[in-house]
């Protein structure tokens, strides 16, 4: 049984090559170093000052919006004229060859 390889042996060789490629890819991914840790820098502490009370007075009472007026949408109307014409259809068959009988050519 030497000579040309069969379809089965070619398929087995192809699947083995594909599996080897997947294994190599998995090993390459597993062997690479992980992500680097982000360097965290803590800012220098700021000086704190004692809180001072603040009084806020409003000169106008707060207002509430009850409705909003919006501009009406603009509409555009276009008139399109479409002309449809139909081509005359032929009622005669385009092929002049007779239909073949439905027989089987299988013989015992």
PDB file of N, CA and C in Angstrom:
ATOM      1  N   UNK A   1       0.814  -1.183   0.000  1.00  0.00           N
ATOM      2  CA  UNK A   1       0.000   0.000   0.000  1.00  0.00           C
ATOM      3  C   UNK A   1       0.855   1.243   0.000  1.00  0.00           C
ATOM      4  N   UNK A   2       1.771   1.315  -0.909  1.00  0.00           N
ATOM      5  CA  UNK A   2       2.577   2.515  -1.001  1.00  0.00           C
ATOM      6  C   UNK A   2       2.095   3.325  -2.189  1.00  0.00           C
ATOM      7  N   UNK A   3       2.500   4.557  -2.260  1.00  0.00           N
ATOM      8  CA  UNK A   3       2.063   5.404  -3.367  1.00  0.00           C
ATOM      9  C   UNK A   3       1.379   6.640  -2.850  1.00  0.00           C
ATOM     10  N   UNK A   4       0.292   6.983  -3.498  1.00  0.00           N
ATOM     11  CA  UNK A   4      -0.431   8.195  -3.133  1.00  0.00           C
ATOM     12  C   UNK A   4      -1.143   8.030  -1.809  1.00  0.00           C
ATOM     13  N   UNK A   5      -1.169   9.092  -0.999  1.00  0.00           N
ATOM     14  CA  UNK A   5      -1.912   8.999   0.266  1.00  0.00           C
ATOM     15  C   UNK A   5      -3.418   9.002  -0.001  1.00  0.00           C
ATOM     16  N   UNK A   6      -4.138   8.384   0.884  1.00  0.00           N
ATOM     17  CA  UNK A   6      -5.593   8.343   0.747  1.00  0.00           C
ATOM     18  C   UNK A   6      -6.201   9.592   1.382  1.00  0.00           C
ATOM     19  N   UNK A   7      -7.482   9.799   1.114  1.00  0.00           N
ATOM     20  CA  UNK A   7      -8.177  10.949   1.702  1.00  0.00           C
ATOM     21  C   UNK A   7      -8.184  10.858   3.218  1.00  0.00           C
ATOM     22  N   UNK A   8      -8.321   9.664   3.740  1.00  0.00           N
ATOM     23  CA  UNK A   8      -8.359   9.490   5.194  1.00  0.00           C
ATOM     24  C   UNK A   8      -7.041   9.869   5.854  1.00  0.00           C
ATOM     25  N   UNK A   9      -5.920   9.435   5.245  1.00  0.00           N
ATOM     26  CA  UNK A   9      -4.632   9.781   5.842  1.00  0.00           C
ATOM     27  C   UNK A   9      -4.346  11.271   5.708  1.00  0.00           C
ATOM     28  N   UNK A  10      -4.792  11.888   4.606  1.00  0.00           N
ATOM     29  CA  UNK A  10      -4.613  13.327   4.453  1.00  0.00           C
ATOM     30  C   UNK A  10      -5.422  14.086   5.500  1.00  0.00           C
ATOM     31  N   UNK A  11      -6.628  13.598   5.801  1.00  0.00           N
ATOM     32  CA  UNK A  11      -7.473  14.264   6.790  1.00  0.00           C
ATOM     33  C   UNK A  11      -6.856  14.133   8.192  1.00  0.00           C
ATOM     34  N   UNK A  12      -6.343  12.946   8.506  1.00  0.00           N
ATOM     35  CA  UNK A  12      -5.723  12.741   9.813  1.00  0.00           C
ATOM     36  C   UNK A  12      -4.492  13.636   9.960  1.00  0.00           C
ATOM     37  N   UNK A  13      -3.704  13.750   8.896  1.00  0.00           N
ATOM     38  CA  UNK A  13      -2.525  14.611   8.944  1.00  0.00           C
ATOM     39  C   UNK A  13      -2.922  16.075   9.126  1.00  0.00           C
ATOM     40  N   UNK A  14      -3.969  16.498   8.442  1.00  0.00           N
ATOM     41  CA  UNK A  14      -4.438  17.877   8.578  1.00  0.00           C
ATOM     42  C   UNK A  14      -4.935  18.183   9.976  1.00  0.00           C
ATOM     43  N   UNK A  15      -5.689  17.253  10.548  1.00  0.00           N
ATOM     44  CA  UNK A  15      -6.209  17.467  11.905  1.00  0.00           C
ATOM     45  C   UNK A  15      -5.068  17.485  12.912  1.00  0.00           C
ATOM     46  N   UNK A  16      -4.061  16.621  12.707  1.00  0.00           N
ATOM     47  CA  UNK A  16      -2.916  16.600  13.617  1.00  0.00           C
ATOM     48  C   UNK A  16      -2.132  17.910  13.526  1.00  0.00           C
ATOM     49  N   UNK A  17      -1.977  18.451  12.322  1.00  0.00           N
ATOM     50  CA  UNK A  17      -1.291  19.738  12.169  1.00  0.00           C
ATOM     51  C   UNK A  17      -2.058  20.865  12.828  1.00  0.00           C
ATOM     52  N   UNK A  18      -3.389  20.847  12.692  1.00  0.00           N
ATOM     53  CA  UNK A  18      -4.216  21.876  13.318  1.00  0.00           C
ATOM     54  C   UNK A  18      -4.105  21.801  14.836  1.00  0.00           C
ATOM     55  N   UNK A  19      -4.144  20.567  15.385  1.00  0.00           N
ATOM     56  CA  UNK A  19      -4.040  20.402  16.836  1.00  0.00           C
ATOM     57  C   UNK A  19      -2.671  20.855  17.333  1.00  0.00           C
ATOM     58  N   UNK A  20      -1.628  20.591  16.559  1.00  0.00           N
ATOM     59  CA  UNK A  20      -0.294  21.044  16.945  1.00  0.00           C
ATOM     60  C   UNK A  20      -0.220  22.566  16.967  1.00  0.00           C
ATOM     61  N   UNK A  21      -0.847  23.207  15.978  1.00  0.00           N
ATOM     62  CA  UNK A  21      -0.872  24.670  15.952  1.00  0.00           C
ATOM     63  C   UNK A  21      -1.598  25.241  17.151  1.00  0.00           C
ATOM     64  N   UNK A  22      -2.708  24.625  17.540  1.00  0.00           N
ATOM     65  CA  UNK A  22      -3.431  25.091  18.732  1.00  0.00           C
ATOM     66  C   UNK A  22      -2.588  24.917  19.991  1.00  0.00           C
ATOM     67  N   UNK A  23      -1.863  23.809  20.072  1.00  0.00           N
ATOM     68  CA  UNK A  23      -1.022  23.570  21.233  1.00  0.00           C
ATOM     69  C   UNK A  23       0.103  24.596  21.321  1.00  0.00           C
ATOM     70  N   UNK A  24       0.731  24.899  20.195  1.00  0.00           N
ATOM     71  CA  UNK A  24       1.800  25.899  20.189  1.00  0.00           C
ATOM     72  C   UNK A  24       1.256  27.270  20.590  1.00  0.00           C
ATOM     73  N   UNK A  25       0.087  27.627  20.062  1.00  0.00           N
ATOM     74  CA  UNK A  25      -0.512  28.924  20.422  1.00  0.00           C
ATOM     75  C   UNK A  25      -0.826  28.990  21.910  1.00  0.00           C
ATOM     76  N   UNK A  26      -1.345  27.903  22.474  1.00  0.00           N
ATOM     77  CA  UNK A  26      -1.674  27.891  23.906  1.00  0.00           C
ATOM     78  C   UNK A  26      -0.411  28.014  24.748  1.00  0.00           C
ATOM     79  N   UNK A  27       0.670  27.353  24.324  1.00  0.00           N
ATOM     80  CA  UNK A  27       1.918  27.453  25.079  1.00  0.00           C
ATOM     81  C   UNK A  27       2.513  28.851  24.990  1.00  0.00           C
ATOM     82  N   UNK A  28       2.386  29.488  23.840  1.00  0.00           N
ATOM     83  CA  UNK A  28       2.901  30.851  23.705  1.00  0.00           C
ATOM     84  C   UNK A  28       2.131  31.824  24.585  1.00  0.00           C
ATOM     85  N   UNK A  29       0.824  31.647  24.635  1.00  0.00           N
ATOM     86  CA  UNK A  29       0.002  32.532  25.462  1.00  0.00           C
ATOM     87  C   UNK A  29       0.271  32.274  26.940  1.00  0.00           C
ATOM     88  N   UNK A  30       0.430  30.996  27.322  1.00  0.00           N
ATOM     89  CA  UNK A  30       0.651  30.667  28.731  1.00  0.00           C
ATOM     90  C   UNK A  30       2.026  31.111  29.197  1.00  0.00           C
ATOM     91  N   UNK A  31       3.015  31.187  28.301  1.00  0.00           N
ATOM     92  CA  UNK A  31       4.359  31.518  28.712  1.00  0.00           C
ATOM     93  C   UNK A  31       4.671  32.988  28.776  1.00  0.00           C
ATOM     94  N   UNK A  32       3.808  33.829  28.261  1.00  0.00           N
ATOM     95  CA  UNK A  32       4.125  35.259  28.264  1.00  0.00           C
ATOM     96  C   UNK A  32       3.847  35.852  29.651  1.00  0.00           C
ATOM     97  N   UNK A  33       4.561  36.902  29.999  1.00  0.00           N
ATOM     98  CA  UNK A  33       4.347  37.493  31.326  1.00  0.00           C
ATOM     99  C   UNK A  33       2.982  38.181  31.398  1.00  0.00           C
ATOM    100  N   UNK A  34       2.462  38.230  32.595  1.00  0.00           N
ATOM    101  CA  UNK A  34       1.157  38.843  32.814  1.00  0.00           C
ATOM    102  C   UNK A  34       1.217  40.351  32.681  1.00  0.00           C
ATOM    103  N   UNK A  35       0.090  41.012  32.829  1.00  0.00           N
ATOM    104  CA  UNK A  35       0.071  42.472  32.710  1.00  0.00           C
ATOM    105  C   UNK A  35       0.844  43.117  33.849  1.00  0.00           C
ATOM    106  N   UNK A  36       1.466  44.227  33.539  1.00  0.00           N
ATOM    107  CA  UNK A  36       2.230  44.947  34.552  1.00  0.00           C
ATOM    108  C   UNK A  36       1.280  45.626  35.532  1.00  0.00           C
ATOM    109  N   UNK A  37       1.688  45.667  36.780  1.00  0.00           N
ATOM    110  CA  UNK A  37       0.885  46.346  37.785  1.00  0.00           C
ATOM    111  C   UNK A  37       1.021  47.854  37.590  1.00  0.00           C
ATOM    112  N   UNK A  38      -0.071  48.542  37.732  1.00  0.00           N
ATOM    113  CA  UNK A  38      -0.051  49.991  37.584  1.00  0.00           C
ATOM    114  C   UNK A  38       0.673  50.614  38.771  1.00  0.00           C
ATOM    115  N   UNK A  39       1.469  51.611  38.467  1.00  0.00           N
ATOM    116  CA  UNK A  39       2.168  52.301  39.544  1.00  0.00           C
ATOM    117  C   UNK A  39       1.212  53.302  40.185  1.00  0.00           C
ATOM    118  N   UNK A  40       1.033  53.174  41.470  1.00  0.00           N
ATOM    119  CA  UNK A  40       0.120  54.050  42.196  1.00  0.00           C
ATOM    120  C   UNK A  40       0.957  55.074  42.942  1.00  0.00           C
ATOM    121  N   UNK A  41       0.709  56.317  42.655  1.00  0.00           N
ATOM    122  CA  UNK A  41       1.415  57.377  43.377  1.00  0.00           C
ATOM    123  C   UNK A  41       0.405  58.087  44.264  1.00  0.00           C
ATOM    124  N   UNK A  42       0.745  58.228  45.503  1.00  0.00           N
ATOM    125  CA  UNK A  42      -0.139  58.926  46.423  1.00  0.00           C
ATOM    126  C   UNK A  42       0.277  60.395  46.470  1.00  0.00           C
ATOM    127  N   UNK A  43      -0.666  61.301  46.304  1.00  0.00           N
ATOM    128  CA  UNK A  43      -0.312  62.712  46.339  1.00  0.00           C
ATOM    129  C   UNK A  43       0.084  63.143  47.759  1.00  0.00           C
ATOM    130  N   UNK A  44       0.870  64.168  47.798  1.00  0.00           N
ATOM    131  CA  UNK A  44       1.292  64.694  49.106  1.00  0.00           C
ATOM    132  C   UNK A  44       0.071  65.221  49.845  1.00  0.00           C
ATOM    133  N   UNK A  45       0.011  65.015  51.153  1.00  0.00           N
ATOM    134  CA  UNK A  45      -1.166  65.489  51.885  1.00  0.00           C
ATOM    135  C   UNK A  45      -1.259  67.015  51.841  1.00  0.00           C
ATOM    136  N   UNK A  46      -2.467  67.471  51.675  1.00  0.00           N
ATOM    137  CA  UNK A  46      -2.686  68.919  51.644  1.00  0.00           C
ATOM    138  C   UNK A  46      -2.959  69.414  53.065  1.00  0.00           C
ATOM    139  N   UNK A  47      -2.718  70.673  53.265  1.00  0.00           N
ATOM    140  CA  UNK A  47      -2.968  71.225  54.598  1.00  0.00           C
ATOM    141  C   UNK A  47      -4.458  71.471  54.758  1.00  0.00           C
ATOM    142  N   UNK A  48      -4.971  71.237  55.915  1.00  0.00           N
ATOM    143  CA  UNK A  48      -6.387  71.431  56.192  1.00  0.00           C
ATOM    144  C   UNK A  48      -6.571  72.686  57.031  1.00  0.00           C
ATOM    145  N   UNK A  49      -7.686  73.353  56.760  1.00  0.00           N
ATOM    146  CA  UNK A  49      -8.011  74.582  57.473  1.00  0.00           C
ATOM    147  C   UNK A  49      -9.349  74.356  58.155  1.00  0.00           C
ATOM    148  N   UNK A  50      -9.539  74.922  59.288  1.00  0.00           N
ATOM    149  CA  UNK A  50     -10.792  74.776  60.021  1.00  0.00           C
ATOM    150  C   UNK A  50     -11.936  75.373  59.197  1.00  0.00           C
ATOM    151  N   UNK A  51     -13.069  74.718  59.243  1.00  0.00           N
ATOM    152  CA  UNK A  51     -14.227  75.162  58.482  1.00  0.00           C
ATOM    153  C   UNK A  51     -14.790  76.451  59.058  1.00  0.00           C
ATOM    154  N   UNK A  52     -15.251  77.295  58.154  1.00  0.00           N
ATOM    155  CA  UNK A  52     -15.847  78.570  58.554  1.00  0.00           C
ATOM    156  C   UNK A  52     -17.306  78.540  58.104  1.00  0.00           C
ATOM    157  N   UNK A  53     -18.250  78.873  58.961  1.00  0.00           N
ATOM    158  CA  UNK A  53     -19.648  78.859  58.524  1.00  0.00           C
ATOM    159  C   UNK A  53     -19.907  79.921  57.453  1.00  0.00           C
ATOM    160  N   UNK A  54     -20.697  79.548  56.453  1.00  0.00           N
ATOM    161  CA  UNK A  54     -21.018  80.454  55.341  1.00  0.00           C
ATOM    162  C   UNK A  54     -22.531  80.533  55.252  1.00  0.00           C
ATOM    163  N   UNK A  55     -23.051  81.739  55.108  1.00  0.00           N
ATOM    164  CA  UNK A  55     -24.478  81.943  54.954  1.00  0.00           C
ATOM    165  C   UNK A  55     -24.749  82.397  53.531  1.00  0.00           C
ATOM    166  N   UNK A  56     -25.693  81.742  52.861  1.00  0.00           N
ATOM    167  CA  UNK A  56     -26.042  82.088  51.477  1.00  0.00           C
ATOM    168  C   UNK A  56     -27.460  82.620  51.484  1.00  0.00           C
ATOM    169  N   UNK A  57     -27.621  83.793  50.922  1.00  0.00           N
ATOM    170  CA  UNK A  57     -28.966  84.367  50.802  1.00  0.00           C
ATOM    171  C   UNK A  57     -29.290  84.511  49.325  1.00  0.00           C
ATOM    172  N   UNK A  58     -30.525  84.191  48.966  1.00  0.00           N
ATOM    173  CA  UNK A  58     -30.954  84.286  47.567  1.00  0.00           C
ATOM    174  C   UNK A  58     -31.759  85.545  47.388  1.00  0.00           C
ATOM    175  N   UNK A  59     -31.522  86.270  46.286  1.00  0.00           N
ATOM    176  CA  UNK A  59     -32.258  87.504  46.044  1.00  0.00           C
ATOM    177  C   UNK A  59     -33.577  87.244  45.329  1.00  0.00           C
ATOM    178  N   UNK A  60     -33.716  86.115  44.606  1.00  0.00           N
ATOM    179  CA  UNK A  60     -34.973  85.772  43.920  1.00  0.00           C
ATOM    180  C   UNK A  60     -35.371  84.360  44.344  1.00  0.00           C
ATOM    181  N   UNK A  61     -36.657  84.117  44.424  1.00  0.00           N
ATOM    182  CA  UNK A  61     -37.088  82.759  44.791  1.00  0.00           C
ATOM    183  C   UNK A  61     -36.763  81.787  43.638  1.00  0.00           C
ATOM    184  N   UNK A  62     -36.573  80.567  43.954  1.00  0.00           N
ATOM    185  CA  UNK A  62     -36.289  79.595  42.895  1.00  0.00           C
ATOM    186  C   UNK A  62     -37.495  79.442  41.968  1.00  0.00           C
ATOM    187  N   UNK A  63     -37.255  79.244  40.683  1.00  0.00           N
ATOM    188  CA  UNK A  63     -38.356  79.112  39.715  1.00  0.00           C
ATOM    189  C   UNK A  63     -38.430  77.672  39.230  1.00  0.00           C
ATOM    190  N   UNK A  64     -39.628  77.292  38.799  1.00  0.00           N
ATOM    191  CA  UNK A  64     -39.862  75.945  38.294  1.00  0.00           C
ATOM    192  C   UNK A  64     -40.331  76.038  36.856  1.00  0.00           C
ATOM    193  N   UNK A  65     -39.773  75.260  35.981  1.00  0.00           N
ATOM    194  CA  UNK A  65     -40.189  75.245  34.573  1.00  0.00           C
ATOM    195  C   UNK A  65     -41.369  74.312  34.457  1.00  0.00           C
ATOM    196  N   UNK A  66     -42.488  74.833  33.961  1.00  0.00           N
ATOM    197  CA  UNK A  66     -43.690  74.005  33.813  1.00  0.00           C
ATOM    198  C   UNK A  66     -43.919  73.580  32.373  1.00  0.00           C
ATOM    199  N   UNK A  67     -43.466  74.345  31.400  1.00  0.00           N
ATOM    200  CA  UNK A  67     -43.643  73.943  30.001  1.00  0.00           C
ATOM    201  C   UNK A  67     -42.518  74.545  29.171  1.00  0.00           C
ATOM    202  N   UNK A  68     -42.251  73.896  28.053  1.00  0.00           N
ATOM    203  CA  UNK A  68     -41.216  74.350  27.144  1.00  0.00           C
ATOM    204  C   UNK A  68     -41.824  74.417  25.755  1.00  0.00           C
ATOM    205  N   UNK A  69     -41.656  75.546  25.093  1.00  0.00           N
ATOM    206  CA  UNK A  69     -42.175  75.681  23.735  1.00  0.00           C
ATOM    207  C   UNK A  69     -41.094  75.268  22.747  1.00  0.00           C
ATOM    208  N   UNK A  70     -41.499  74.427  21.831  1.00  0.00           N
ATOM    209  CA  UNK A  70     -40.565  73.991  20.794  1.00  0.00           C
ATOM    210  C   UNK A  70     -41.134  74.354  19.440  1.00  0.00           C
ATOM    211  N   UNK A  71     -40.258  74.531  18.476  1.00  0.00           N
ATOM    212  CA  UNK A  71     -40.698  74.858  17.118  1.00  0.00           C
ATOM    213  C   UNK A  71     -41.306  73.616  16.480  1.00  0.00           C
ATOM    214  N   UNK A  72     -42.339  73.819  15.683  1.00  0.00           N
ATOM    215  CA  UNK A  72     -42.981  72.685  15.030  1.00  0.00           C
ATOM    216  C   UNK A  72     -42.052  72.127  13.952  1.00  0.00           C
ATOM    217  N   UNK A  73     -42.092  70.840  13.722  1.00  0.00           N
ATOM    218  CA  UNK A  73     -41.200  70.254  12.720  1.00  0.00           C
ATOM    219  C   UNK A  73     -41.606  70.698  11.315  1.00  0.00           C
ATOM    220  N   UNK A  74     -40.619  70.841  10.471  1.00  0.00           N
ATOM    221  CA  UNK A  74     -40.907  71.239   9.091  1.00  0.00           C
ATOM    222  C   UNK A  74     -41.154  69.997   8.261  1.00  0.00           C
ATOM    223  N   UNK A  75     -42.156  70.096   7.405  1.00  0.00           N
ATOM    224  CA  UNK A  75     -42.476  68.974   6.519  1.00  0.00           C
ATOM    225  C   UNK A  75     -42.284  69.418   5.088  1.00  0.00           C
ATOM    226  N   UNK A  76     -41.869  68.498   4.262  1.00  0.00           N
ATOM    227  CA  UNK A  76     -41.653  68.794   2.850  1.00  0.00           C
ATOM    228  C   UNK A  76     -42.417  67.759   2.040  1.00  0.00           C
ATOM    229  N   UNK A  77     -43.212  68.232   1.105  1.00  0.00           N
ATOM    230  CA  UNK A  77     -44.002  67.338   0.269  1.00  0.00           C
ATOM    231  C   UNK A  77     -43.437  67.358  -1.141  1.00  0.00           C
ATOM    232  N   UNK A  78     -43.189  66.179  -1.684  1.00  0.00           N
ATOM    233  CA  UNK A  78     -42.685  66.064  -3.051  1.00  0.00           C
ATOM    234  C   UNK A  78     -43.659  65.229  -3.860  1.00  0.00           C
ATOM    235  N   UNK A  79     -43.845  65.615  -5.106  1.00  0.00           N
ATOM    236  CA  UNK A  79     -44.720  64.871  -5.999  1.00  0.00           C
ATOM    237  C   UNK A  79     -43.839  64.088  -6.962  1.00  0.00           C
ATOM    238  N   UNK A  80     -44.079  62.804  -7.030  1.00  0.00           N
ATOM    239  CA  UNK A  80     -43.298  61.938  -7.900  1.00  0.00           C
ATOM    240  C   UNK A  80     -44.256  61.272  -8.866  1.00  0.00           C
ATOM    241  N   UNK A  81     -43.925  61.330 -10.155  1.00  0.00           N
ATOM    242  CA  UNK A  81     -44.765  60.694 -11.167  1.00  0.00           C
ATOM    243  C   UNK A  81     -44.075  59.423 -11.626  1.00  0.00           C
ATOM    244  N   UNK A  82     -44.805  58.312 -11.581  1.00  0.00           N
ATOM    245  CA  UNK A  82     -44.255  57.016 -11.963  1.00  0.00           C
ATOM    246  C   UNK A  82     -45.089  56.466 -13.106  1.00  0.00           C
ATOM    247  N   UNK A  83     -44.429  56.058 -14.185  1.00  0.00           N
ATOM    248  CA  UNK A  83     -45.106  55.444 -15.318  1.00  0.00           C
ATOM    249  C   UNK A  83     -44.670  53.992 -15.409  1.00  0.00           C
ATOM    250  N   UNK A  84     -45.645  53.088 -15.407  1.00  0.00           N
ATOM    251  CA  UNK A  84     -45.348  51.661 -15.466  1.00  0.00           C
ATOM    252  C   UNK A  84     -45.868  51.123 -16.784  1.00  0.00           C
ATOM    253  N   UNK A  85     -44.997  50.495 -17.533  1.00  0.00           N
ATOM    254  CA  UNK A  85     -45.411  49.858 -18.786  1.00  0.00           C
ATOM    255  C   UNK A  85     -45.117  48.376 -18.684  1.00  0.00           C
ATOM    256  N   UNK A  86     -45.980  47.563 -19.268  1.00  0.00           N
ATOM    257  CA  UNK A  86     -45.778  46.127 -19.236  1.00  0.00           C
ATOM    258  C   UNK A  86     -45.446  45.655 -20.640  1.00  0.00           C
ATOM    259  N   UNK A  87     -44.509  44.742 -20.724  1.00  0.00           N
ATOM    260  CA  UNK A  87     -44.131  44.182 -22.016  1.00  0.00           C
ATOM    261  C   UNK A  87     -45.096  43.054 -22.350  1.00  0.00           C
ATOM    262  N   UNK A  88     -45.411  42.879 -23.625  1.00  0.00           N
ATOM    263  CA  UNK A  88     -46.318  41.780 -23.990  1.00  0.00           C
ATOM    264  C   UNK A  88     -45.646  40.432 -23.701  1.00  0.00           C
ATOM    265  N   UNK A  89     -46.423  39.506 -23.191  1.00  0.00           N
ATOM    266  CA  UNK A  89     -45.883  38.195 -22.861  1.00  0.00           C
ATOM    267  C   UNK A  89     -46.215  37.212 -23.961  1.00  0.00           C
ATOM    268  N   UNK A  90     -45.305  36.281 -24.177  1.00  0.00           N
ATOM    269  CA  UNK A  90     -45.497  35.280 -25.218  1.00  0.00           C
ATOM    270  C   UNK A  90     -46.166  34.054 -24.612  1.00  0.00           C
ATOM    271  N   UNK A  91     -47.127  33.475 -25.342  1.00  0.00           N
ATOM    272  CA  UNK A  91     -47.813  32.286 -24.844  1.00  0.00           C
ATOM    273  C   UNK A  91     -47.306  31.026 -25.526  1.00  0.00           C
ATOM    274  N   UNK A  92     -46.413  31.156 -26.483  1.00  0.00           N
ATOM    275  CA  UNK A  92     -45.881  29.976 -27.153  1.00  0.00           C
ATOM    276  C   UNK A  92     -44.626  29.511 -26.425  1.00  0.00           C
ATOM    277  N   UNK A  93     -44.386  28.207 -26.361  1.00  0.00           N
ATOM    278  CA  UNK A  93     -43.181  27.733 -25.684  1.00  0.00           C
ATOM    279  C   UNK A  93     -41.933  28.127 -26.467  1.00  0.00           C
ATOM    280  N   UNK A  94     -40.853  28.377 -25.744  1.00  0.00           N
ATOM    281  CA  UNK A  94     -39.620  28.806 -26.392  1.00  0.00           C
ATOM    282  C   UNK A  94     -38.804  27.625 -26.882  1.00  0.00           C
ATOM    283  N   UNK A  95     -39.069  26.430 -26.398  1.00  0.00           N
ATOM    284  CA  UNK A  95     -38.315  25.255 -26.807  1.00  0.00           C
ATOM    285  C   UNK A  95     -39.177  24.396 -27.716  1.00  0.00           C
ATOM    286  N   UNK A  96     -38.575  23.870 -28.783  1.00  0.00           N
ATOM    287  CA  UNK A  96     -39.344  23.038 -29.708  1.00  0.00           C
ATOM    288  C   UNK A  96     -39.014  21.562 -29.557  1.00  0.00           C
ATOM    289  N   UNK A  97     -38.169  21.209 -28.588  1.00  0.00           N
ATOM    290  CA  UNK A  97     -37.830  19.797 -28.401  1.00  0.00           C
ATOM    291  C   UNK A  97     -38.925  19.119 -27.596  1.00  0.00           C
ATOM    292  N   UNK A  98     -39.282  17.893 -27.946  1.00  0.00           N
ATOM    293  CA  UNK A  98     -40.349  17.193 -27.206  1.00  0.00           C
ATOM    294  C   UNK A  98     -39.848  16.766 -25.832  1.00  0.00           C
ATOM    295  N   UNK A  99     -40.755  16.637 -24.899  1.00  0.00           N
ATOM    296  CA  UNK A  99     -40.413  16.220 -23.546  1.00  0.00           C
ATOM    297  C   UNK A  99     -39.991  14.761 -23.554  1.00  0.00           C
ATOM    298  N   UNK A 100     -38.990  14.428 -22.768  1.00  0.00           N
ATOM    299  CA  UNK A 100     -38.506  13.063 -22.703  1.00  0.00           C
ATOM    300  C   UNK A 100     -39.386  12.248 -21.766  1.00  0.00           C
ATOM    301  N   UNK A 101     -39.610  10.987 -22.070  1.00  0.00           N
ATOM    302  CA  UNK A 101     -40.431  10.154 -21.180  1.00  0.00           C
ATOM    303  C   UNK A 101     -39.663   9.851 -19.906  1.00  0.00           C
ATOM    304  N   UNK A 102     -40.381   9.699 -18.814  1.00  0.00           N
ATOM    305  CA  UNK A 102     -39.773   9.416 -17.524  1.00  0.00           C
ATOM    306  C   UNK A 102     -39.599   7.909 -17.375  1.00  0.00           C
ATOM    307  N   UNK A 103     -38.488   7.420 -17.870  1.00  0.00           N
ATOM    308  CA  UNK A 103     -38.181   5.982 -17.764  1.00  0.00           C
ATOM    309  C   UNK A 103     -36.851   5.829 -17.081  1.00  0.00           C
ATOM    310  N   UNK A 104     -36.635   4.689 -16.510  1.00  0.00           N
ATOM    311  CA  UNK A 104     -35.383   4.408 -15.827  1.00  0.00           C
ATOM    312  C   UNK A 104     -34.479   3.603 -16.743  1.00  0.00           C
ATOM    313  N   UNK A 105     -33.200   3.884 -16.706  1.00  0.00           N
ATOM    314  CA  UNK A 105     -32.279   3.148 -17.544  1.00  0.00           C
ATOM    315  C   UNK A 105     -31.597   2.017 -16.763  1.00  0.00           C
ATOM    316  N   UNK A 106     -32.084   1.746 -15.556  1.00  0.00           N
ATOM    317  CA  UNK A 106     -31.482   0.710 -14.732  1.00  0.00           C
ATOM    318  C   UNK A 106     -31.969  -0.652 -15.221  1.00  0.00           C
ATOM    319  N   UNK A 107     -31.020  -1.525 -15.435  1.00  0.00           N
ATOM    320  CA  UNK A 107     -31.366  -2.882 -15.910  1.00  0.00           C
ATOM    321  C   UNK A 107     -30.692  -3.900 -15.023  1.00  0.00           C
ATOM    322  N   UNK A 108     -31.401  -4.971 -14.794  1.00  0.00           N
ATOM    323  CA  UNK A 108     -30.825  -6.075 -13.992  1.00  0.00           C
ATOM    324  C   UNK A 108     -30.056  -7.011 -14.877  1.00  0.00           C
TER     325      UNK A 108
END
